[in-house]
Amino acid sequence: MGVINTVMIVDDSKVARMMTKNAVKSLLLDAEIIEADSGEEALKLMESVSPDAILMDINMHGISGLEAAEMILSARPDQKIAVCSANIQPAMQNKVERLGIQFVSKPIQLPILSDFLKS
């Protein structure tokens, strides 16, 4: 994919967004971080921005992270997306795999995040 300059972090928890932002910044010092607190906000932002990578929480009010990821991928099939969760059910894991996106467990571990950003 190339160099990651812009990362969108989508999570309804401000604390989780801050922790994810800190993890990304520790790996990509100069990355621009775009934050959204819902799937709806992420979809709206995607109308005007083109992040190199998206880190999306699964469980959010309104549109879930998987639903938002699916909508983003329908418009931008090559968008690099990882869903983030502390607990993932087998059925959810299958859906993540079917969408062709990656899974990053919470709390985020730097080696796993680094692998996603480099892949």
PDB file of N, CA and C in Angstrom:
ATOM      1  N   MET A   1       0.822  -1.193   0.000  1.00  0.00           N
ATOM      2  CA  MET A   1       0.000   0.000   0.000  1.00  0.00           C
ATOM      3  C   MET A   1       0.862   1.251   0.000  1.00  0.00           C
ATOM      4  N   GLY A   2       2.016   1.180   0.607  1.00  0.00           N
ATOM      5  CA  GLY A   2       2.863   2.357   0.653  1.00  0.00           C
ATOM      6  C   GLY A   2       2.921   2.950   2.037  1.00  0.00           C
ATOM      7  N   VAL A   3       3.337   4.200   2.085  1.00  0.00           N
ATOM      8  CA  VAL A   3       3.530   4.887   3.357  1.00  0.00           C
ATOM      9  C   VAL A   3       2.182   5.279   3.959  1.00  0.00           C
ATOM     10  N   ILE A   4       2.070   5.097   5.272  1.00  0.00           N
ATOM     11  CA  ILE A   4       0.867   5.497   6.004  1.00  0.00           C
ATOM     12  C   ILE A   4       1.103   6.909   6.542  1.00  0.00           C
ATOM     13  N   ASN A   5       0.336   7.873   6.033  1.00  0.00           N
ATOM     14  CA  ASN A   5       0.440   9.253   6.502  1.00  0.00           C
ATOM     15  C   ASN A   5      -0.759   9.681   7.335  1.00  0.00           C
ATOM     16  N   THR A   6      -1.919   9.083   7.048  1.00  0.00           N
ATOM     17  CA  THR A   6      -3.153   9.490   7.706  1.00  0.00           C
ATOM     18  C   THR A   6      -3.880   8.254   8.236  1.00  0.00           C
ATOM     19  N   VAL A   7      -4.250   8.282   9.515  1.00  0.00           N
ATOM     20  CA  VAL A   7      -4.958   7.170  10.146  1.00  0.00           C
ATOM     21  C   VAL A   7      -6.242   7.710  10.764  1.00  0.00           C
ATOM     22  N   MET A   8      -7.364   7.051  10.444  1.00  0.00           N
ATOM     23  CA  MET A   8      -8.633   7.391  11.083  1.00  0.00           C
ATOM     24  C   MET A   8      -8.870   6.405  12.220  1.00  0.00           C
ATOM     25  N   ILE A   9      -9.184   6.937  13.385  1.00  0.00           N
ATOM     26  CA  ILE A   9      -9.507   6.114  14.560  1.00  0.00           C
ATOM     27  C   ILE A   9     -10.978   6.337  14.869  1.00  0.00           C
ATOM     28  N   VAL A  10     -11.741   5.232  14.862  1.00  0.00           N
ATOM     29  CA  VAL A  10     -13.179   5.306  15.090  1.00  0.00           C
ATOM     30  C   VAL A  10     -13.509   4.495  16.331  1.00  0.00           C
ATOM     31  N   ASP A  11     -13.950   5.179  17.374  1.00  0.00           N
ATOM     32  CA  ASP A  11     -14.303   4.503  18.627  1.00  0.00           C
ATOM     33  C   ASP A  11     -15.207   5.438  19.409  1.00  0.00           C
ATOM     34  N   ASP A  12     -16.250   4.885  20.033  1.00  0.00           N
ATOM     35  CA  ASP A  12     -17.157   5.731  20.807  1.00  0.00           C
ATOM     36  C   ASP A  12     -16.598   6.095  22.177  1.00  0.00           C
ATOM     37  N   SER A  13     -15.477   5.484  22.547  1.00  0.00           N
ATOM     38  CA  SER A  13     -14.820   5.806  23.815  1.00  0.00           C
ATOM     39  C   SER A  13     -13.667   6.781  23.572  1.00  0.00           C
ATOM     40  N   LYS A  14     -13.754   7.948  24.205  1.00  0.00           N
ATOM     41  CA  LYS A  14     -12.684   8.943  24.075  1.00  0.00           C
ATOM     42  C   LYS A  14     -11.361   8.387  24.604  1.00  0.00           C
ATOM     43  N   VAL A  15     -11.424   7.640  25.707  1.00  0.00           N
ATOM     44  CA  VAL A  15     -10.208   7.043  26.285  1.00  0.00           C
ATOM     45  C   VAL A  15      -9.591   6.042  25.311  1.00  0.00           C
ATOM     46  N   ALA A  16     -10.423   5.202  24.710  1.00  0.00           N
ATOM     47  CA  ALA A  16      -9.910   4.219  23.741  1.00  0.00           C
ATOM     48  C   ALA A  16      -9.284   4.922  22.539  1.00  0.00           C
ATOM     49  N   ARG A  17      -9.935   6.004  22.061  1.00  0.00           N
ATOM     50  CA  ARG A  17      -9.344   6.750  20.936  1.00  0.00           C
ATOM     51  C   ARG A  17      -7.988   7.320  21.329  1.00  0.00           C
ATOM     52  N   MET A  18      -7.881   7.866  22.545  1.00  0.00           N
ATOM     53  CA  MET A  18      -6.621   8.441  23.006  1.00  0.00           C
ATOM     54  C   MET A  18      -5.534   7.362  23.081  1.00  0.00           C
ATOM     55  N   MET A  19      -5.881   6.195  23.622  1.00  0.00           N
ATOM     56  CA  MET A  19      -4.900   5.110  23.736  1.00  0.00           C
ATOM     57  C   MET A  19      -4.471   4.615  22.349  1.00  0.00           C
ATOM     58  N   THR A  20      -5.423   4.500  21.440  1.00  0.00           N
ATOM     59  CA  THR A  20      -5.108   4.061  20.080  1.00  0.00           C
ATOM     60  C   THR A  20      -4.252   5.106  19.379  1.00  0.00           C
ATOM     61  N   LYS A  21      -4.598   6.377  19.561  1.00  0.00           N
ATOM     62  CA  LYS A  21      -3.812   7.469  18.963  1.00  0.00           C
ATOM     63  C   LYS A  21      -2.371   7.428  19.468  1.00  0.00           C
ATOM     64  N   ASN A  22      -2.194   7.232  20.777  1.00  0.00           N
ATOM     65  CA  ASN A  22      -0.846   7.146  21.339  1.00  0.00           C
ATOM     66  C   ASN A  22      -0.069   5.976  20.749  1.00  0.00           C
ATOM     67  N   ALA A  23      -0.741   4.848  20.557  1.00  0.00           N
ATOM     68  CA  ALA A  23      -0.082   3.670  19.974  1.00  0.00           C
ATOM     69  C   ALA A  23       0.336   3.950  18.531  1.00  0.00           C
ATOM     70  N   VAL A  24      -0.566   4.549  17.752  1.00  0.00           N
ATOM     71  CA  VAL A  24      -0.236   4.876  16.359  1.00  0.00           C
ATOM     72  C   VAL A  24       0.920   5.861  16.310  1.00  0.00           C
ATOM     73  N   LYS A  25       0.841   6.906  17.135  1.00  0.00           N
ATOM     74  CA  LYS A  25       1.901   7.933  17.136  1.00  0.00           C
ATOM     75  C   LYS A  25       3.258   7.361  17.570  1.00  0.00           C
ATOM     76  N   SER A  26       3.249   6.322  18.407  1.00  0.00           N
ATOM     77  CA  SER A  26       4.515   5.718  18.813  1.00  0.00           C
ATOM     78  C   SER A  26       5.173   4.972  17.647  1.00  0.00           C
ATOM     79  N   LEU A  27       4.367   4.558  16.682  1.00  0.00           N
ATOM     80  CA  LEU A  27       4.884   3.845  15.504  1.00  0.00           C
ATOM     81  C   LEU A  27       5.069   4.764  14.305  1.00  0.00           C
ATOM     82  N   LEU A  28       4.195   5.749  14.180  1.00  0.00           N
ATOM     83  CA  LEU A  28       4.212   6.676  13.039  1.00  0.00           C
ATOM     84  C   LEU A  28       4.209   8.100  13.587  1.00  0.00           C
ATOM     85  N   LEU A  29       5.382   8.600  13.903  1.00  0.00           N
ATOM     86  CA  LEU A  29       5.500   9.889  14.588  1.00  0.00           C
ATOM     87  C   LEU A  29       4.819  11.037  13.863  1.00  0.00           C
ATOM     88  N   ASP A  30       4.868  11.026  12.542  1.00  0.00           N
ATOM     89  CA  ASP A  30       4.349  12.157  11.771  1.00  0.00           C
ATOM     90  C   ASP A  30       2.956  11.922  11.212  1.00  0.00           C
ATOM     91  N   ALA A  31       2.307  10.841  11.592  1.00  0.00           N
ATOM     92  CA  ALA A  31       0.987  10.533  11.040  1.00  0.00           C
ATOM     93  C   ALA A  31      -0.045  11.567  11.459  1.00  0.00           C
ATOM     94  N   GLU A  32      -0.918  11.902  10.530  1.00  0.00           N
ATOM     95  CA  GLU A  32      -2.082  12.724  10.851  1.00  0.00           C
ATOM     96  C   GLU A  32      -3.160  11.776  11.365  1.00  0.00           C
ATOM     97  N   ILE A  33      -3.768  12.118  12.483  1.00  0.00           N
ATOM     98  CA  ILE A  33      -4.806  11.284  13.080  1.00  0.00           C
ATOM     99  C   ILE A  33      -6.148  11.994  12.928  1.00  0.00           C
ATOM    100  N   ILE A  34      -7.114  11.279  12.371  1.00  0.00           N
ATOM    101  CA  ILE A  34      -8.485  11.769  12.251  1.00  0.00           C
ATOM    102  C   ILE A  34      -9.314  10.920  13.204  1.00  0.00           C
ATOM    103  N   GLU A  35     -10.113  11.560  14.043  1.00  0.00           N
ATOM    104  CA  GLU A  35     -10.913  10.817  15.017  1.00  0.00           C
ATOM    105  C   GLU A  35     -12.397  10.936  14.714  1.00  0.00           C
ATOM    106  N   ALA A  36     -13.103   9.821  14.926  1.00  0.00           N
ATOM    107  CA  ALA A  36     -14.561   9.794  14.814  1.00  0.00           C
ATOM    108  C   ALA A  36     -15.091   9.016  15.998  1.00  0.00           C
ATOM    109  N   ASP A  37     -16.217   9.470  16.560  1.00  0.00           N
ATOM    110  CA  ASP A  37     -16.754   8.789  17.735  1.00  0.00           C
ATOM    111  C   ASP A  37     -17.933   7.866  17.417  1.00  0.00           C
ATOM    112  N   SER A  38     -18.176   7.622  16.123  1.00  0.00           N
ATOM    113  CA  SER A  38     -19.246   6.710  15.731  1.00  0.00           C
ATOM    114  C   SER A  38     -19.040   6.253  14.288  1.00  0.00           C
ATOM    115  N   GLY A  39     -19.727   5.174  13.946  1.00  0.00           N
ATOM    116  CA  GLY A  39     -19.696   4.714  12.559  1.00  0.00           C
ATOM    117  C   GLY A  39     -20.272   5.765  11.626  1.00  0.00           C
ATOM    118  N   GLU A  40     -21.337   6.428  12.075  1.00  0.00           N
ATOM    119  CA  GLU A  40     -21.958   7.480  11.269  1.00  0.00           C
ATOM    120  C   GLU A  40     -20.974   8.614  10.990  1.00  0.00           C
ATOM    121  N   GLU A  41     -20.251   9.044  12.038  1.00  0.00           N
ATOM    122  CA  GLU A  41     -19.284  10.128  11.846  1.00  0.00           C
ATOM    123  C   GLU A  41     -18.164   9.697  10.904  1.00  0.00           C
ATOM    124  N   ALA A  42     -17.726   8.457  11.026  1.00  0.00           N
ATOM    125  CA  ALA A  42     -16.679   7.951  10.132  1.00  0.00           C
ATOM    126  C   ALA A  42     -17.142   7.989   8.680  1.00  0.00           C
ATOM    127  N   LEU A  43     -18.380   7.560   8.434  1.00  0.00           N
ATOM    128  CA  LEU A  43     -18.909   7.571   7.064  1.00  0.00           C
ATOM    129  C   LEU A  43     -18.988   8.993   6.532  1.00  0.00           C
ATOM    130  N   LYS A  44     -19.403   9.927   7.373  1.00  0.00           N
ATOM    131  CA  LYS A  44     -19.478  11.333   6.944  1.00  0.00           C
ATOM    132  C   LYS A  44     -18.081  11.875   6.631  1.00  0.00           C
ATOM    133  N   LEU A  45     -17.115  11.569   7.493  1.00  0.00           N
ATOM    134  CA  LEU A  45     -15.739  12.032   7.259  1.00  0.00           C
ATOM    135  C   LEU A  45     -15.160  11.458   5.964  1.00  0.00           C
ATOM    136  N   MET A  46     -15.541  10.223   5.642  1.00  0.00           N
ATOM    137  CA  MET A  46     -15.005   9.578   4.437  1.00  0.00           C
ATOM    138  C   MET A  46     -15.424  10.299   3.155  1.00  0.00           C
ATOM    139  N   GLU A  47     -16.434  11.166   3.256  1.00  0.00           N
ATOM    140  CA  GLU A  47     -16.837  11.960   2.091  1.00  0.00           C
ATOM    141  C   GLU A  47     -15.791  13.012   1.751  1.00  0.00           C
ATOM    142  N   SER A  48     -14.975  13.402   2.744  1.00  0.00           N
ATOM    143  CA  SER A  48     -14.026  14.495   2.521  1.00  0.00           C
ATOM    144  C   SER A  48     -12.572  14.146   2.806  1.00  0.00           C
ATOM    145  N   VAL A  49     -12.311  12.970   3.370  1.00  0.00           N
ATOM    146  CA  VAL A  49     -10.932  12.576   3.660  1.00  0.00           C
ATOM    147  C   VAL A  49     -10.652  11.188   3.084  1.00  0.00           C
ATOM    148  N   SER A  50      -9.381  10.912   2.878  1.00  0.00           N
ATOM    149  CA  SER A  50      -8.954   9.604   2.375  1.00  0.00           C
ATOM    150  C   SER A  50      -7.829   9.068   3.254  1.00  0.00           C
ATOM    151  N   PRO A  51      -8.183   8.508   4.405  1.00  0.00           N
ATOM    152  CA  PRO A  51      -7.132   7.986   5.284  1.00  0.00           C
ATOM    153  C   PRO A  51      -6.420   6.801   4.644  1.00  0.00           C
ATOM    154  N   ASP A  52      -5.140   6.675   4.965  1.00  0.00           N
ATOM    155  CA  ASP A  52      -4.378   5.529   4.464  1.00  0.00           C
ATOM    156  C   ASP A  52      -4.775   4.259   5.194  1.00  0.00           C
ATOM    157  N   ALA A  53      -5.229   4.394   6.446  1.00  0.00           N
ATOM    158  CA  ALA A  53      -5.642   3.245   7.254  1.00  0.00           C
ATOM    159  C   ALA A  53      -6.737   3.687   8.217  1.00  0.00           C
ATOM    160  N   ILE A  54      -7.612   2.734   8.556  1.00  0.00           N
ATOM    161  CA  ILE A  54      -8.693   2.996   9.510  1.00  0.00           C
ATOM    162  C   ILE A  54      -8.643   1.932  10.593  1.00  0.00           C
ATOM    163  N   LEU A  55      -8.697   2.366  11.846  1.00  0.00           N
ATOM    164  CA  LEU A  55      -8.826   1.473  13.004  1.00  0.00           C
ATOM    165  C   LEU A  55     -10.209   1.718  13.586  1.00  0.00           C
ATOM    166  N   MET A  56     -11.064   0.683  13.554  1.00  0.00           N
ATOM    167  CA  MET A  56     -12.467   0.857  13.880  1.00  0.00           C
ATOM    168  C   MET A  56     -12.908  -0.093  14.986  1.00  0.00           C
ATOM    169  N   ASP A  57     -13.466   0.480  16.052  1.00  0.00           N
ATOM    170  CA  ASP A  57     -14.081  -0.323  17.103  1.00  0.00           C
ATOM    171  C   ASP A  57     -15.267  -1.063  16.501  1.00  0.00           C
ATOM    172  N   ILE A  58     -15.586  -2.235  17.034  1.00  0.00           N
ATOM    173  CA  ILE A  58     -16.736  -2.985  16.527  1.00  0.00           C
ATOM    174  C   ILE A  58     -18.020  -2.515  17.191  1.00  0.00           C
ATOM    175  N   ASN A  59     -18.039  -2.501  18.522  1.00  0.00           N
ATOM    176  CA  ASN A  59     -19.264  -2.223  19.268  1.00  0.00           C
ATOM    177  C   ASN A  59     -19.409  -0.735  19.554  1.00  0.00           C
ATOM    178  N   MET A  60     -20.293  -0.105  18.784  1.00  0.00           N
ATOM    179  CA  MET A  60     -20.596   1.312  18.982  1.00  0.00           C
ATOM    180  C   MET A  60     -22.099   1.488  18.835  1.00  0.00           C
ATOM    181  N   HIS A  61     -22.619   2.561  19.428  1.00  0.00           N
ATOM    182  CA  HIS A  61     -24.039   2.879  19.267  1.00  0.00           C
ATOM    183  C   HIS A  61     -24.298   3.218  17.807  1.00  0.00           C
ATOM    184  N   GLY A  62     -25.509   2.909  17.343  1.00  0.00           N
ATOM    185  CA  GLY A  62     -25.842   3.201  15.950  1.00  0.00           C
ATOM    186  C   GLY A  62     -25.194   2.184  15.036  1.00  0.00           C
ATOM    187  N   ILE A  63     -24.550   2.667  14.002  1.00  0.00           N
ATOM    188  CA  ILE A  63     -23.892   1.791  13.030  1.00  0.00           C
ATOM    189  C   ILE A  63     -22.669   1.157  13.686  1.00  0.00           C
ATOM    190  N   SER A  64     -22.595  -0.169  13.663  1.00  0.00           N
ATOM    191  CA  SER A  64     -21.441  -0.863  14.254  1.00  0.00           C
ATOM    192  C   SER A  64     -20.207  -0.648  13.384  1.00  0.00           C
ATOM    193  N   GLY A  65     -19.062  -0.967  13.955  1.00  0.00           N
ATOM    194  CA  GLY A  65     -17.825  -0.849  13.204  1.00  0.00           C
ATOM    195  C   GLY A  65     -17.799  -1.737  11.976  1.00  0.00           C
ATOM    196  N   LEU A  66     -18.345  -2.941  12.091  1.00  0.00           N
ATOM    197  CA  LEU A  66     -18.379  -3.833  10.930  1.00  0.00           C
ATOM    198  C   LEU A  66     -19.301  -3.308   9.844  1.00  0.00           C
ATOM    199  N   GLU A  67     -20.450  -2.760  10.245  1.00  0.00           N
ATOM    200  CA  GLU A  67     -21.364  -2.191   9.250  1.00  0.00           C
ATOM    201  C   GLU A  67     -20.709  -0.997   8.550  1.00  0.00           C
ATOM    202  N   ALA A  68     -20.064  -0.133   9.326  1.00  0.00           N
ATOM    203  CA  ALA A  68     -19.387   1.025   8.737  1.00  0.00           C
ATOM    204  C   ALA A  68     -18.258   0.571   7.816  1.00  0.00           C
ATOM    205  N   ALA A  69     -17.490  -0.435   8.253  1.00  0.00           N
ATOM    206  CA  ALA A  69     -16.405  -0.953   7.416  1.00  0.00           C
ATOM    207  C   ALA A  69     -16.948  -1.490   6.095  1.00  0.00           C
ATOM    208  N   GLU A  70     -18.049  -2.217   6.178  1.00  0.00           N
ATOM    209  CA  GLU A  70     -18.662  -2.775   4.971  1.00  0.00           C
ATOM    210  C   GLU A  70     -19.098  -1.662   4.016  1.00  0.00           C
ATOM    211  N   MET A  71     -19.687  -0.592   4.553  1.00  0.00           N
ATOM    212  CA  MET A  71     -20.115   0.533   3.716  1.00  0.00           C
ATOM    213  C   MET A  71     -18.920   1.245   3.090  1.00  0.00           C
ATOM    214  N   ILE A  72     -17.870   1.428   3.872  1.00  0.00           N
ATOM    215  CA  ILE A  72     -16.661   2.080   3.352  1.00  0.00           C
ATOM    216  C   ILE A  72     -16.059   1.232   2.242  1.00  0.00           C
ATOM    217  N   LEU A  73     -15.974  -0.081   2.460  1.00  0.00           N
ATOM    218  CA  LEU A  73     -15.386  -0.968   1.459  1.00  0.00           C
ATOM    219  C   LEU A  73     -16.223  -1.034   0.184  1.00  0.00           C
ATOM    220  N   SER A  74     -17.534  -0.860   0.298  1.00  0.00           N
ATOM    221  CA  SER A  74     -18.355  -0.890  -0.917  1.00  0.00           C
ATOM    222  C   SER A  74     -18.027   0.308  -1.811  1.00  0.00           C
ATOM    223  N   ALA A  75     -17.662   1.438  -1.202  1.00  0.00           N
ATOM    224  CA  ALA A  75     -17.289   2.630  -1.966  1.00  0.00           C
ATOM    225  C   ALA A  75     -15.799   2.653  -2.310  1.00  0.00           C
ATOM    226  N   ARG A  76     -14.984   2.080  -1.420  1.00  0.00           N
ATOM    227  CA  ARG A  76     -13.522   2.087  -1.592  1.00  0.00           C
ATOM    228  C   ARG A  76     -12.982   0.683  -1.306  1.00  0.00           C
ATOM    229  N   PRO A  77     -13.062  -0.216  -2.275  1.00  0.00           N
ATOM    230  CA  PRO A  77     -12.696  -1.622  -2.043  1.00  0.00           C
ATOM    231  C   PRO A  77     -11.256  -1.843  -1.556  1.00  0.00           C
ATOM    232  N   ASP A  78     -10.369  -0.909  -1.828  1.00  0.00           N
ATOM    233  CA  ASP A  78      -8.961  -1.080  -1.428  1.00  0.00           C
ATOM    234  C   ASP A  78      -8.621  -0.408  -0.111  1.00  0.00           C
ATOM    235  N   GLN A  79      -9.631   0.141   0.582  1.00  0.00           N
ATOM    236  CA  GLN A  79      -9.369   0.838   1.851  1.00  0.00           C
ATOM    237  C   GLN A  79      -8.792  -0.132   2.876  1.00  0.00           C
ATOM    238  N   LYS A  80      -7.731   0.265   3.527  1.00  0.00           N
ATOM    239  CA  LYS A  80      -7.071  -0.543   4.568  1.00  0.00           C
ATOM    240  C   LYS A  80      -7.810  -0.311   5.882  1.00  0.00           C
ATOM    241  N   ILE A  81      -8.442  -1.374   6.408  1.00  0.00           N
ATOM    242  CA  ILE A  81      -9.244  -1.264   7.622  1.00  0.00           C
ATOM    243  C   ILE A  81      -8.905  -2.412   8.567  1.00  0.00           C
ATOM    244  N   ALA A  82      -8.807  -2.079   9.853  1.00  0.00           N
ATOM    245  CA  ALA A  82      -8.734  -3.106  10.896  1.00  0.00           C
ATOM    246  C   ALA A  82      -9.825  -2.795  11.907  1.00  0.00           C
ATOM    247  N   VAL A  83     -10.522  -3.846  12.339  1.00  0.00           N
ATOM    248  CA  VAL A  83     -11.475  -3.666  13.428  1.00  0.00           C
ATOM    249  C   VAL A  83     -10.776  -4.019  14.725  1.00  0.00           C
ATOM    250  N   CYS A  84     -11.147  -3.312  15.772  1.00  0.00           N
ATOM    251  CA  CYS A  84     -10.510  -3.470  17.072  1.00  0.00           C
ATOM    252  C   CYS A  84     -11.554  -3.894  18.101  1.00  0.00           C
ATOM    253  N   SER A  85     -11.237  -4.912  18.874  1.00  0.00           N
ATOM    254  CA  SER A  85     -12.166  -5.363  19.906  1.00  0.00           C
ATOM    255  C   SER A  85     -11.417  -6.151  20.963  1.00  0.00           C
ATOM    256  N   ALA A  86     -11.954  -6.124  22.174  1.00  0.00           N
ATOM    257  CA  ALA A  86     -11.384  -6.913  23.265  1.00  0.00           C
ATOM    258  C   ALA A  86     -11.900  -8.346  23.242  1.00  0.00           C
ATOM    259  N   ASN A  87     -13.042  -8.553  22.623  1.00  0.00           N
ATOM    260  CA  ASN A  87     -13.662  -9.871  22.622  1.00  0.00           C
ATOM    261  C   ASN A  87     -14.384 -10.065  21.296  1.00  0.00           C
ATOM    262  N   ILE A  88     -14.039 -11.116  20.597  1.00  0.00           N
ATOM    263  CA  ILE A  88     -14.684 -11.333  19.310  1.00  0.00           C
ATOM    264  C   ILE A  88     -15.264 -12.743  19.253  1.00  0.00           C
ATOM    265  N   GLN A  89     -16.517 -12.839  18.913  1.00  0.00           N
ATOM    266  CA  GLN A  89     -17.203 -14.119  18.784  1.00  0.00           C
ATOM    267  C   GLN A  89     -16.776 -14.790  17.482  1.00  0.00           C
ATOM    268  N   PRO A  90     -16.828 -16.140  17.423  1.00  0.00           N
ATOM    269  CA  PRO A  90     -16.472 -16.836  16.173  1.00  0.00           C
ATOM    270  C   PRO A  90     -17.258 -16.332  14.957  1.00  0.00           C
ATOM    271  N   ALA A  91     -18.553 -16.082  15.124  1.00  0.00           N
ATOM    272  CA  ALA A  91     -19.360 -15.590  14.004  1.00  0.00           C
ATOM    273  C   ALA A  91     -18.854 -14.218  13.546  1.00  0.00           C
ATOM    274  N   MET A  92     -18.456 -13.377  14.505  1.00  0.00           N
ATOM    275  CA  MET A  92     -17.926 -12.057  14.174  1.00  0.00           C
ATOM    276  C   MET A  92     -16.575 -12.199  13.466  1.00  0.00           C
ATOM    277  N   GLN A  93     -15.741 -13.101  13.947  1.00  0.00           N
ATOM    278  CA  GLN A  93     -14.438 -13.353  13.318  1.00  0.00           C
ATOM    279  C   GLN A  93     -14.631 -13.779  11.861  1.00  0.00           C
ATOM    280  N   ASN A  94     -15.626 -14.625  11.604  1.00  0.00           N
ATOM    281  CA  ASN A  94     -15.909 -15.063  10.232  1.00  0.00           C
ATOM    282  C   ASN A  94     -16.314 -13.884   9.356  1.00  0.00           C
ATOM    283  N   LYS A  95     -17.121 -12.987   9.904  1.00  0.00           N
ATOM    284  CA  LYS A  95     -17.545 -11.823   9.129  1.00  0.00           C
ATOM    285  C   LYS A  95     -16.350 -10.916   8.824  1.00  0.00           C
ATOM    286  N   VAL A  96     -15.479 -10.726   9.800  1.00  0.00           N
ATOM    287  CA  VAL A  96     -14.266  -9.924   9.590  1.00  0.00           C
ATOM    288  C   VAL A  96     -13.440 -10.535   8.452  1.00  0.00           C
ATOM    289  N   GLU A  97     -13.263 -11.848   8.496  1.00  0.00           N
ATOM    290  CA  GLU A  97     -12.487 -12.531   7.457  1.00  0.00           C
ATOM    291  C   GLU A  97     -13.155 -12.408   6.092  1.00  0.00           C
ATOM    292  N   ARG A  98     -14.490 -12.552   6.056  1.00  0.00           N
ATOM    293  CA  ARG A  98     -15.219 -12.437   4.786  1.00  0.00           C
ATOM    294  C   ARG A  98     -15.079 -11.040   4.184  1.00  0.00           C
ATOM    295  N   LEU A  99     -15.036 -10.026   5.036  1.00  0.00           N
ATOM    296  CA  LEU A  99     -14.867  -8.657   4.543  1.00  0.00           C
ATOM    297  C   LEU A  99     -13.444  -8.402   4.045  1.00  0.00           C
ATOM    298  N   GLY A 100     -12.525  -9.277   4.422  1.00  0.00           N
ATOM    299  CA  GLY A 100     -11.144  -9.102   3.996  1.00  0.00           C
ATOM    300  C   GLY A 100     -10.413  -8.022   4.763  1.00  0.00           C
ATOM    301  N   ILE A 101     -10.881  -7.755   5.982  1.00  0.00           N
ATOM    302  CA  ILE A 101     -10.209  -6.753   6.806  1.00  0.00           C
ATOM    303  C   ILE A 101      -9.488  -7.453   7.958  1.00  0.00           C
ATOM    304  N   GLN A 102      -8.667  -6.709   8.649  1.00  0.00           N
ATOM    305  CA  GLN A 102      -7.866  -7.297   9.717  1.00  0.00           C
ATOM    306  C   GLN A 102      -8.496  -7.069  11.073  1.00  0.00           C
ATOM    307  N   PHE A 103      -8.066  -7.855  12.042  1.00  0.00           N
ATOM    308  CA  PHE A 103      -8.525  -7.751  13.416  1.00  0.00           C
ATOM    309  C   PHE A 103      -7.343  -7.369  14.287  1.00  0.00           C
ATOM    310  N   VAL A 104      -7.513  -6.346  15.105  1.00  0.00           N
ATOM    311  CA  VAL A 104      -6.499  -5.925  16.062  1.00  0.00           C
ATOM    312  C   VAL A 104      -7.160  -5.986  17.440  1.00  0.00           C
ATOM    313  N   SER A 105      -6.597  -6.798  18.315  1.00  0.00           N
ATOM    314  CA  SER A 105      -7.213  -6.973  19.634  1.00  0.00           C
ATOM    315  C   SER A 105      -6.947  -5.770  20.530  1.00  0.00           C
ATOM    316  N   LYS A 106      -7.897  -5.545  21.447  1.00  0.00           N
ATOM    317  CA  LYS A 106      -7.737  -4.535  22.487  1.00  0.00           C
ATOM    318  C   LYS A 106      -7.428  -5.260  23.784  1.00  0.00           C
ATOM    319  N   PRO A 107      -6.576  -4.742  24.636  1.00  0.00           N
ATOM    320  CA  PRO A 107      -5.800  -3.523  24.400  1.00  0.00           C
ATOM    321  C   PRO A 107      -4.814  -3.737  23.250  1.00  0.00           C
ATOM    322  N   ILE A 108      -4.589  -2.683  22.500  1.00  0.00           N
ATOM    323  CA  ILE A 108      -3.757  -2.779  21.304  1.00  0.00           C
ATOM    324  C   ILE A 108      -2.315  -3.071  21.690  1.00  0.00           C
ATOM    325  N   GLN A 109      -1.782  -4.086  21.050  1.00  0.00           N
ATOM    326  CA  GLN A 109      -0.378  -4.459  21.234  1.00  0.00           C
ATOM    327  C   GLN A 109       0.416  -3.897  20.055  1.00  0.00           C
ATOM    328  N   LEU A 110       1.494  -3.206  20.348  1.00  0.00           N
ATOM    329  CA  LEU A 110       2.251  -2.522  19.301  1.00  0.00           C
ATOM    330  C   LEU A 110       2.714  -3.439  18.169  1.00  0.00           C
ATOM    331  N   PRO A 111       3.201  -4.666  18.436  1.00  0.00           N
ATOM    332  CA  PRO A 111       3.628  -5.510  17.310  1.00  0.00           C
ATOM    333  C   PRO A 111       2.480  -5.835  16.343  1.00  0.00           C
ATOM    334  N   ILE A 112       1.285  -6.061  16.879  1.00  0.00           N
ATOM    335  CA  ILE A 112       0.127  -6.374  16.025  1.00  0.00           C
ATOM    336  C   ILE A 112      -0.285  -5.148  15.236  1.00  0.00           C
ATOM    337  N   LEU A 113      -0.316  -3.974  15.897  1.00  0.00           N
ATOM    338  CA  LEU A 113      -0.645  -2.739  15.203  1.00  0.00           C
ATOM    339  C   LEU A 113       0.396  -2.443  14.129  1.00  0.00           C
ATOM    340  N   SER A 114       1.647  -2.646  14.451  1.00  0.00           N
ATOM    341  CA  SER A 114       2.724  -2.415  13.484  1.00  0.00           C
ATOM    342  C   SER A 114       2.567  -3.321  12.271  1.00  0.00           C
ATOM    343  N   ASP A 115       2.238  -4.587  12.492  1.00  0.00           N
ATOM    344  CA  ASP A 115       2.021  -5.509  11.370  1.00  0.00           C
ATOM    345  C   ASP A 115       0.901  -5.015  10.463  1.00  0.00           C
ATOM    346  N   PHE A 116      -0.211  -4.550  11.073  1.00  0.00           N
ATOM    347  CA  PHE A 116      -1.324  -4.027  10.273  1.00  0.00           C
ATOM    348  C   PHE A 116      -0.880  -2.817   9.464  1.00  0.00           C
ATOM    349  N   LEU A 117      -0.203  -1.880  10.099  1.00  0.00           N
ATOM    350  CA  LEU A 117       0.187  -0.653   9.403  1.00  0.00           C
ATOM    351  C   LEU A 117       1.210  -0.908   8.306  1.00  0.00           C
ATOM    352  N   LYS A 118       2.006  -1.957   8.446  1.00  0.00           N
ATOM    353  CA  LYS A 118       3.030  -2.275   7.442  1.00  0.00           C
ATOM    354  C   LYS A 118       2.521  -3.181   6.331  1.00  0.00           C
ATOM    355  N   SER A 119       1.413  -3.888   6.561  1.00  0.00           N
ATOM    356  CA  SER A 119       0.942  -4.867   5.562  1.00  0.00           C
ATOM    357  C   SER A 119       0.371  -4.205   4.328  1.00  0.00           C
TER     358      SER A 119
END
